[in-house]
Amino acid sequence: MDLVPYDEWRASAADPAFSEWLRSLSEPEWTAVVTHPFAASITRGDVADDDMRRYLIQDFQFVDSFTALLGAAVASADSFESRVPFGRFLGETATTEEKTYFHRALAALGATPEDLASPPLEPVTADFRALMDEARTSLDYPLVLAVLAVAEWSYLGWASLAEEPLPGDFVHREWIDLHEGPVFRAWVGFLRGELDRLGPELTPEGQLRVLDFFRRAVRLELRFFDMAAGV
């Protein structure tokens, strides 16, 4: 999609939010992520154990980089009110719920401790960790937000498409539950709200830099699901 400047785009947009500009200029890859066949298979609970194990092992390799990125958000946010949700999420979710899920799910799928600690990284996994580290070391709050927003908002996108009843297998069901529901929706809303608050005040060059990070993250999310699906 053409890089239409934000001020030009919002003049005729039905939803002029800065986060919506980022998302809309990341099409068609964004829709390809949230409707990906592998994600749809998770919502149905029919991913083969070997495929789910490979996917979760690679996803677990983001936990450290993602946690560090949340720490960068705490450090670079422009107010105490903005720092608090990151600290809360860091303490309650990133280091507890998800990490506990990974260990239980991967044990159920037959993974070994070595599989979690030092597996061979898929190229997309290494590339995504590099992008997270690039955003983290920038200590540029809008760039940190862009990468976090893609990671969380895109997962809410596919998880919100899950239909009741959810899969009975906890490996699939809890992975969906971690990325859907009122608490997670509020978290994604906070990330989008921060982008919507800060984005319009950036220079045009700054806005395009945020868009670059956002689009790179979306492309990596698509590559990650393609990897999981063996594409």
C-alpha atoms as a PDB file:
ATOM      1  CA  MET A   1       0.000   0.000   0.000  1.00  0.00           C
ATOM      2  CA  ASP A   2       1.184   3.538  -0.811  1.00  0.00           C
ATOM      3  CA  LEU A   3       2.693   5.516   2.057  1.00  0.00           C
ATOM      4  CA  VAL A   4      -0.028   8.135   2.384  1.00  0.00           C
ATOM      5  CA  PRO A   5       1.041  10.678   5.046  1.00  0.00           C
ATOM      6  CA  TYR A   6      -1.057  10.546   8.182  1.00  0.00           C
ATOM      7  CA  ASP A   7      -2.408  14.107   7.919  1.00  0.00           C
ATOM      8  CA  GLU A   8      -3.499  13.456   4.345  1.00  0.00           C
ATOM      9  CA  TRP A   9      -4.994  10.063   5.155  1.00  0.00           C
ATOM     10  CA  ARG A  10      -7.002  11.147   8.192  1.00  0.00           C
ATOM     11  CA  ALA A  11      -8.723  13.947   6.282  1.00  0.00           C
ATOM     12  CA  SER A  12     -10.962  11.389   4.583  1.00  0.00           C
ATOM     13  CA  ALA A  13     -10.701   8.363   6.900  1.00  0.00           C
ATOM     14  CA  ALA A  14     -13.811   6.957   8.577  1.00  0.00           C
ATOM     15  CA  ASP A  15     -11.669   6.284  11.662  1.00  0.00           C
ATOM     16  CA  PRO A  16      -8.866   8.889  11.804  1.00  0.00           C
ATOM     17  CA  ALA A  17      -7.008   7.249  14.713  1.00  0.00           C
ATOM     18  CA  PHE A  18      -3.242   7.069  14.284  1.00  0.00           C
ATOM     19  CA  SER A  19      -3.239   3.346  15.133  1.00  0.00           C
ATOM     20  CA  GLU A  20      -5.799   2.742  12.405  1.00  0.00           C
ATOM     21  CA  TRP A  21      -3.526   4.561   9.926  1.00  0.00           C
ATOM     22  CA  LEU A  22      -0.724   2.195  10.918  1.00  0.00           C
ATOM     23  CA  ARG A  23      -2.953  -0.847  10.525  1.00  0.00           C
ATOM     24  CA  SER A  24      -4.554   0.208   7.249  1.00  0.00           C
ATOM     25  CA  LEU A  25      -1.182   0.973   5.668  1.00  0.00           C
ATOM     26  CA  SER A  26      -0.038  -2.510   6.689  1.00  0.00           C
ATOM     27  CA  GLU A  27      -2.565  -4.241   4.465  1.00  0.00           C
ATOM     28  CA  PRO A  28      -2.915  -6.799   2.991  1.00  0.00           C
ATOM     29  CA  GLU A  29      -0.402  -8.394   5.367  1.00  0.00           C
ATOM     30  CA  TRP A  30      -2.404  -7.448   8.471  1.00  0.00           C
ATOM     31  CA  THR A  31      -5.503  -9.306   7.343  1.00  0.00           C
ATOM     32  CA  ALA A  32      -3.331 -12.219   6.222  1.00  0.00           C
ATOM     33  CA  VAL A  33      -2.009 -12.465   9.792  1.00  0.00           C
ATOM     34  CA  VAL A  34      -5.320 -12.354  11.659  1.00  0.00           C
ATOM     35  CA  THR A  35      -7.004 -14.770   9.240  1.00  0.00           C
ATOM     36  CA  HIS A  36      -3.987 -17.052   8.773  1.00  0.00           C
ATOM     37  CA  PRO A  37      -4.872 -20.743   8.324  1.00  0.00           C
ATOM     38  CA  PHE A  38      -2.498 -21.740  11.134  1.00  0.00           C
ATOM     39  CA  ALA A  39      -4.143 -19.295  13.548  1.00  0.00           C
ATOM     40  CA  ALA A  40      -7.558 -20.550  12.463  1.00  0.00           C
ATOM     41  CA  SER A  41      -6.397 -24.095  13.210  1.00  0.00           C
ATOM     42  CA  ILE A  42      -5.477 -23.030  16.741  1.00  0.00           C
ATOM     43  CA  THR A  43      -8.991 -21.659  17.273  1.00  0.00           C
ATOM     44  CA  ARG A  44     -10.443 -24.992  16.114  1.00  0.00           C
ATOM     45  CA  GLY A  45      -7.997 -27.012  18.205  1.00  0.00           C
ATOM     46  CA  ASP A  46      -6.803 -29.132  15.305  1.00  0.00           C
ATOM     47  CA  VAL A  47      -3.109 -28.209  15.017  1.00  0.00           C
ATOM     48  CA  ALA A  48      -1.047 -31.383  15.041  1.00  0.00           C
ATOM     49  CA  ASP A  49       1.014 -31.848  18.193  1.00  0.00           C
ATOM     50  CA  ASP A  50       4.342 -31.707  16.328  1.00  0.00           C
ATOM     51  CA  ASP A  51       3.357 -28.461  14.602  1.00  0.00           C
ATOM     52  CA  MET A  52       2.048 -26.865  17.797  1.00  0.00           C
ATOM     53  CA  ARG A  53       5.199 -27.887  19.647  1.00  0.00           C
ATOM     54  CA  ARG A  54       7.459 -26.346  16.976  1.00  0.00           C
ATOM     55  CA  TYR A  55       5.374 -23.150  16.945  1.00  0.00           C
ATOM     56  CA  LEU A  56       5.340 -22.734  20.730  1.00  0.00           C
ATOM     57  CA  ILE A  57       9.038 -23.541  21.086  1.00  0.00           C
ATOM     58  CA  GLN A  58       9.852 -20.751  18.646  1.00  0.00           C
ATOM     59  CA  ASP A  59       7.320 -18.380  20.237  1.00  0.00           C
ATOM     60  CA  PHE A  60       8.857 -19.026  23.661  1.00  0.00           C
ATOM     61  CA  GLN A  61      12.120 -17.626  22.332  1.00  0.00           C
ATOM     62  CA  PHE A  62      10.463 -14.179  22.316  1.00  0.00           C
ATOM     63  CA  VAL A  63       9.705 -14.152  26.048  1.00  0.00           C
ATOM     64  CA  ASP A  64      13.015 -12.584  27.067  1.00  0.00           C
ATOM     65  CA  SER A  65      13.075 -10.000  24.264  1.00  0.00           C
ATOM     66  CA  PHE A  66       9.405  -9.166  24.808  1.00  0.00           C
ATOM     67  CA  THR A  67       9.940  -8.741  28.540  1.00  0.00           C
ATOM     68  CA  ALA A  68      12.897  -6.450  27.859  1.00  0.00           C
ATOM     69  CA  LEU A  69      10.739  -4.479  25.408  1.00  0.00           C
ATOM     70  CA  LEU A  70       8.126  -3.974  28.114  1.00  0.00           C
ATOM     71  CA  GLY A  71      10.908  -2.732  30.367  1.00  0.00           C
ATOM     72  CA  ALA A  72      11.923  -0.255  27.681  1.00  0.00           C
ATOM     73  CA  ALA A  73       8.329   0.966  27.562  1.00  0.00           C
ATOM     74  CA  VAL A  74       8.431   1.605  31.316  1.00  0.00           C
ATOM     75  CA  ALA A  75      11.713   3.492  30.924  1.00  0.00           C
ATOM     76  CA  SER A  76      10.758   5.549  27.876  1.00  0.00           C
ATOM     77  CA  ALA A  77       7.078   6.356  28.548  1.00  0.00           C
ATOM     78  CA  ASP A  78       6.400  10.052  28.943  1.00  0.00           C
ATOM     79  CA  SER A  79       4.355   9.907  32.162  1.00  0.00           C
ATOM     80  CA  PHE A  80       3.810   7.907  35.325  1.00  0.00           C
ATOM     81  CA  GLU A  81       0.265   7.135  34.196  1.00  0.00           C
ATOM     82  CA  SER A  82       1.638   5.527  31.049  1.00  0.00           C
ATOM     83  CA  ARG A  83       4.309   3.538  32.865  1.00  0.00           C
ATOM     84  CA  VAL A  84       1.923   1.821  35.293  1.00  0.00           C
ATOM     85  CA  PRO A  85       0.064  -0.439  32.806  1.00  0.00           C
ATOM     86  CA  PHE A  86       3.359  -1.715  31.404  1.00  0.00           C
ATOM     87  CA  GLY A  87       4.652  -2.521  34.872  1.00  0.00           C
ATOM     88  CA  ARG A  88       1.393  -4.257  35.743  1.00  0.00           C
ATOM     89  CA  PHE A  89       1.369  -6.304  32.557  1.00  0.00           C
ATOM     90  CA  LEU A  90       5.025  -7.160  32.997  1.00  0.00           C
ATOM     91  CA  GLY A  91       4.456  -8.483  36.496  1.00  0.00           C
ATOM     92  CA  GLU A  92       1.100 -10.193  36.084  1.00  0.00           C
ATOM     93  CA  THR A  93       1.157 -11.594  32.584  1.00  0.00           C
ATOM     94  CA  ALA A  94       4.434 -11.645  30.716  1.00  0.00           C
ATOM     95  CA  THR A  95       6.419 -13.220  33.530  1.00  0.00           C
ATOM     96  CA  THR A  96       3.691 -15.368  35.106  1.00  0.00           C
ATOM     97  CA  GLU A  97       0.712 -16.457  33.037  1.00  0.00           C
ATOM     98  CA  GLU A  98       2.411 -16.848  29.662  1.00  0.00           C
ATOM     99  CA  LYS A  99       5.605 -18.383  31.024  1.00  0.00           C
ATOM    100  CA  THR A 100       3.603 -20.869  33.099  1.00  0.00           C
ATOM    101  CA  TYR A 101       1.492 -21.716  30.055  1.00  0.00           C
ATOM    102  CA  PHE A 102       4.538 -22.356  27.892  1.00  0.00           C
ATOM    103  CA  HIS A 103       6.060 -24.788  30.358  1.00  0.00           C
ATOM    104  CA  ARG A 104       2.811 -26.699  30.898  1.00  0.00           C
ATOM    105  CA  ALA A 105       1.855 -26.773  27.220  1.00  0.00           C
ATOM    106  CA  LEU A 106       5.258 -27.762  25.941  1.00  0.00           C
ATOM    107  CA  ALA A 107       5.576 -30.480  28.581  1.00  0.00           C
ATOM    108  CA  ALA A 108       2.209 -31.846  27.441  1.00  0.00           C
ATOM    109  CA  LEU A 109       3.437 -31.763  23.840  1.00  0.00           C
ATOM    110  CA  GLY A 110       6.577 -33.720  24.680  1.00  0.00           C
ATOM    111  CA  ALA A 111       9.145 -30.936  24.557  1.00  0.00           C
ATOM    112  CA  THR A 112      12.341 -31.249  26.580  1.00  0.00           C
ATOM    113  CA  PRO A 113      13.967 -28.554  28.746  1.00  0.00           C
ATOM    114  CA  GLU A 114      16.615 -28.245  26.034  1.00  0.00           C
ATOM    115  CA  ASP A 115      13.906 -27.506  23.484  1.00  0.00           C
ATOM    116  CA  LEU A 116      12.904 -24.460  25.526  1.00  0.00           C
ATOM    117  CA  ALA A 117      16.365 -23.318  26.544  1.00  0.00           C
ATOM    118  CA  SER A 118      18.386 -23.428  23.340  1.00  0.00           C
ATOM    119  CA  PRO A 119      16.553 -24.654  20.238  1.00  0.00           C
ATOM    120  CA  PRO A 120      17.810 -23.807  16.751  1.00  0.00           C
ATOM    121  CA  LEU A 121      16.158 -20.511  15.863  1.00  0.00           C
ATOM    122  CA  GLU A 122      14.098 -20.244  12.724  1.00  0.00           C
ATOM    123  CA  PRO A 123      15.271 -17.288  10.598  1.00  0.00           C
ATOM    124  CA  VAL A 124      12.016 -15.407  11.262  1.00  0.00           C
ATOM    125  CA  THR A 125      12.425 -15.902  15.011  1.00  0.00           C
ATOM    126  CA  ALA A 126      15.902 -14.386  14.895  1.00  0.00           C
ATOM    127  CA  ASP A 127      14.669 -11.514  12.727  1.00  0.00           C
ATOM    128  CA  PHE A 128      11.740 -10.762  15.035  1.00  0.00           C
ATOM    129  CA  ARG A 129      13.954 -10.772  18.116  1.00  0.00           C
ATOM    130  CA  ALA A 130      16.293  -8.393  16.303  1.00  0.00           C
ATOM    131  CA  LEU A 131      13.407  -5.990  15.625  1.00  0.00           C
ATOM    132  CA  MET A 132      12.315  -6.125  19.273  1.00  0.00           C
ATOM    133  CA  ASP A 133      15.882  -5.416  20.351  1.00  0.00           C
ATOM    134  CA  GLU A 134      16.153  -2.548  17.846  1.00  0.00           C
ATOM    135  CA  ALA A 135      13.019  -0.945  19.275  1.00  0.00           C
ATOM    136  CA  ARG A 136      14.188  -1.573  22.846  1.00  0.00           C
ATOM    137  CA  THR A 137      17.628  -0.049  22.413  1.00  0.00           C
ATOM    138  CA  SER A 138      16.170   2.998  20.677  1.00  0.00           C
ATOM    139  CA  LEU A 139      14.338   3.943  23.903  1.00  0.00           C
ATOM    140  CA  ASP A 140      11.987   5.766  21.536  1.00  0.00           C
ATOM    141  CA  TYR A 141       8.577   5.276  23.125  1.00  0.00           C
ATOM    142  CA  PRO A 142       6.460   5.396  19.932  1.00  0.00           C
ATOM    143  CA  LEU A 143       8.740   2.824  18.270  1.00  0.00           C
ATOM    144  CA  VAL A 144       8.477   0.540  21.297  1.00  0.00           C
ATOM    145  CA  LEU A 145       4.702   0.967  21.185  1.00  0.00           C
ATOM    146  CA  ALA A 146       4.571   0.107  17.488  1.00  0.00           C
ATOM    147  CA  VAL A 147       6.218  -3.289  17.944  1.00  0.00           C
ATOM    148  CA  LEU A 148       4.261  -4.106  21.114  1.00  0.00           C
ATOM    149  CA  ALA A 149       0.991  -3.096  19.475  1.00  0.00           C
ATOM    150  CA  VAL A 150       1.514  -5.390  16.499  1.00  0.00           C
ATOM    151  CA  ALA A 151       2.436  -8.340  18.700  1.00  0.00           C
ATOM    152  CA  GLU A 152      -0.631  -7.928  20.916  1.00  0.00           C
ATOM    153  CA  TRP A 153      -3.246  -6.439  18.591  1.00  0.00           C
ATOM    154  CA  SER A 154      -2.663  -8.988  15.818  1.00  0.00           C
ATOM    155  CA  TYR A 155      -3.003 -11.857  18.291  1.00  0.00           C
ATOM    156  CA  LEU A 156      -6.229 -10.370  19.605  1.00  0.00           C
ATOM    157  CA  GLY A 157      -7.303 -10.229  15.975  1.00  0.00           C
ATOM    158  CA  TRP A 158      -7.084 -13.942  15.318  1.00  0.00           C
ATOM    159  CA  ALA A 159      -8.067 -15.040  18.839  1.00  0.00           C
ATOM    160  CA  SER A 160     -11.241 -12.936  18.700  1.00  0.00           C
ATOM    161  CA  LEU A 161     -12.368 -15.022  15.719  1.00  0.00           C
ATOM    162  CA  ALA A 162     -12.517 -18.194  17.811  1.00  0.00           C
ATOM    163  CA  GLU A 163     -16.020 -19.592  18.033  1.00  0.00           C
ATOM    164  CA  GLU A 164     -17.659 -21.275  20.993  1.00  0.00           C
ATOM    165  CA  PRO A 165     -17.198 -23.880  22.181  1.00  0.00           C
ATOM    166  CA  LEU A 166     -13.450 -23.382  22.454  1.00  0.00           C
ATOM    167  CA  PRO A 167     -11.210 -26.429  22.041  1.00  0.00           C
ATOM    168  CA  GLY A 168     -11.267 -28.827  24.989  1.00  0.00           C
ATOM    169  CA  ASP A 169      -7.490 -29.317  24.846  1.00  0.00           C
ATOM    170  CA  PHE A 170      -5.909 -26.802  27.230  1.00  0.00           C
ATOM    171  CA  VAL A 171      -2.940 -26.273  24.893  1.00  0.00           C
ATOM    172  CA  HIS A 172      -5.183 -24.629  22.304  1.00  0.00           C
ATOM    173  CA  ARG A 173      -7.886 -23.250  24.616  1.00  0.00           C
ATOM    174  CA  GLU A 174      -5.557 -21.410  27.022  1.00  0.00           C
ATOM    175  CA  TRP A 175      -3.494 -19.962  24.172  1.00  0.00           C
ATOM    176  CA  ILE A 176      -6.704 -18.444  22.845  1.00  0.00           C
ATOM    177  CA  ASP A 177      -7.759 -17.273  26.317  1.00  0.00           C
ATOM    178  CA  LEU A 178      -4.412 -15.534  26.858  1.00  0.00           C
ATOM    179  CA  HIS A 179      -5.086 -13.383  23.803  1.00  0.00           C
ATOM    180  CA  GLU A 180      -8.800 -12.654  24.156  1.00  0.00           C
ATOM    181  CA  GLY A 181     -11.222 -11.438  26.819  1.00  0.00           C
ATOM    182  CA  PRO A 182     -11.857  -8.121  28.605  1.00  0.00           C
ATOM    183  CA  VAL A 183      -8.433  -7.814  30.255  1.00  0.00           C
ATOM    184  CA  PHE A 184      -6.462  -8.447  27.074  1.00  0.00           C
ATOM    185  CA  ARG A 185      -8.781  -6.222  25.042  1.00  0.00           C
ATOM    186  CA  ALA A 186      -8.203  -3.412  27.538  1.00  0.00           C
ATOM    187  CA  TRP A 187      -4.441  -3.932  27.249  1.00  0.00           C
ATOM    188  CA  VAL A 188      -4.564  -3.713  23.457  1.00  0.00           C
ATOM    189  CA  GLY A 189      -6.819  -0.669  23.783  1.00  0.00           C
ATOM    190  CA  PHE A 190      -4.229   0.980  26.012  1.00  0.00           C
ATOM    191  CA  LEU A 191      -1.429   0.333  23.486  1.00  0.00           C
ATOM    192  CA  ARG A 192      -3.536   1.704  20.654  1.00  0.00           C
ATOM    193  CA  GLY A 193      -4.592   4.660  22.777  1.00  0.00           C
ATOM    194  CA  GLU A 194      -0.972   5.568  23.473  1.00  0.00           C
ATOM    195  CA  LEU A 195      -0.188   5.479  19.764  1.00  0.00           C
ATOM    196  CA  ASP A 196      -3.310   7.555  19.067  1.00  0.00           C
ATOM    197  CA  ARG A 197      -2.248  10.075  21.701  1.00  0.00           C
ATOM    198  CA  LEU A 198       1.345  10.501  20.604  1.00  0.00           C
ATOM    199  CA  GLY A 199       1.311   9.763  16.894  1.00  0.00           C
ATOM    200  CA  PRO A 200      -0.481  12.889  15.636  1.00  0.00           C
ATOM    201  CA  GLU A 201       2.053  15.105  17.433  1.00  0.00           C
ATOM    202  CA  LEU A 202       5.094  13.510  15.808  1.00  0.00           C
ATOM    203  CA  THR A 203       6.800  15.074  12.836  1.00  0.00           C
ATOM    204  CA  PRO A 204       5.915  13.535   9.479  1.00  0.00           C
ATOM    205  CA  GLU A 205       9.331  11.871   9.521  1.00  0.00           C
ATOM    206  CA  GLY A 206       8.662  10.499  12.997  1.00  0.00           C
ATOM    207  CA  GLN A 207       5.265   9.172  11.939  1.00  0.00           C
ATOM    208  CA  LEU A 208       6.800   7.358   8.990  1.00  0.00           C
ATOM    209  CA  ARG A 209       9.459   5.828  11.241  1.00  0.00           C
ATOM    210  CA  VAL A 210       6.737   4.452  13.529  1.00  0.00           C
ATOM    211  CA  LEU A 211       4.939   3.127  10.458  1.00  0.00           C
ATOM    212  CA  ASP A 212       8.141   1.445   9.296  1.00  0.00           C
ATOM    213  CA  PHE A 213       8.514  -0.425  12.592  1.00  0.00           C
ATOM    214  CA  PHE A 214       4.821  -1.326  12.615  1.00  0.00           C
ATOM    215  CA  ARG A 215       4.893  -2.690   9.059  1.00  0.00           C
ATOM    216  CA  ARG A 216       8.095  -4.618   9.654  1.00  0.00           C
ATOM    217  CA  ALA A 217       6.504  -6.244  12.698  1.00  0.00           C
ATOM    218  CA  VAL A 218       3.371  -7.158  10.729  1.00  0.00           C
ATOM    219  CA  ARG A 219       5.446  -8.765   7.984  1.00  0.00           C
ATOM    220  CA  LEU A 220       7.346 -10.752  10.597  1.00  0.00           C
ATOM    221  CA  GLU A 221       4.112 -11.930  12.212  1.00  0.00           C
ATOM    222  CA  LEU A 222       2.990 -13.197   8.812  1.00  0.00           C
ATOM    223  CA  ARG A 223       6.319 -14.937   8.211  1.00  0.00           C
ATOM    224  CA  PHE A 224       6.087 -16.507  11.667  1.00  0.00           C
ATOM    225  CA  PHE A 225       2.693 -18.054  10.972  1.00  0.00           C
ATOM    226  CA  ASP A 226       3.917 -19.163   7.552  1.00  0.00           C
ATOM    227  CA  MET A 227       6.876 -20.850   9.257  1.00  0.00           C
ATOM    228  CA  ALA A 228       4.536 -22.584  11.704  1.00  0.00           C
ATOM    229  CA  ALA A 229       2.382 -23.795   8.819  1.00  0.00           C
ATOM    230  CA  GLY A 230       5.402 -25.057   6.900  1.00  0.00           C
ATOM    231  CA  VAL A 231       4.866 -22.617   4.037  1.00  0.00           C
END
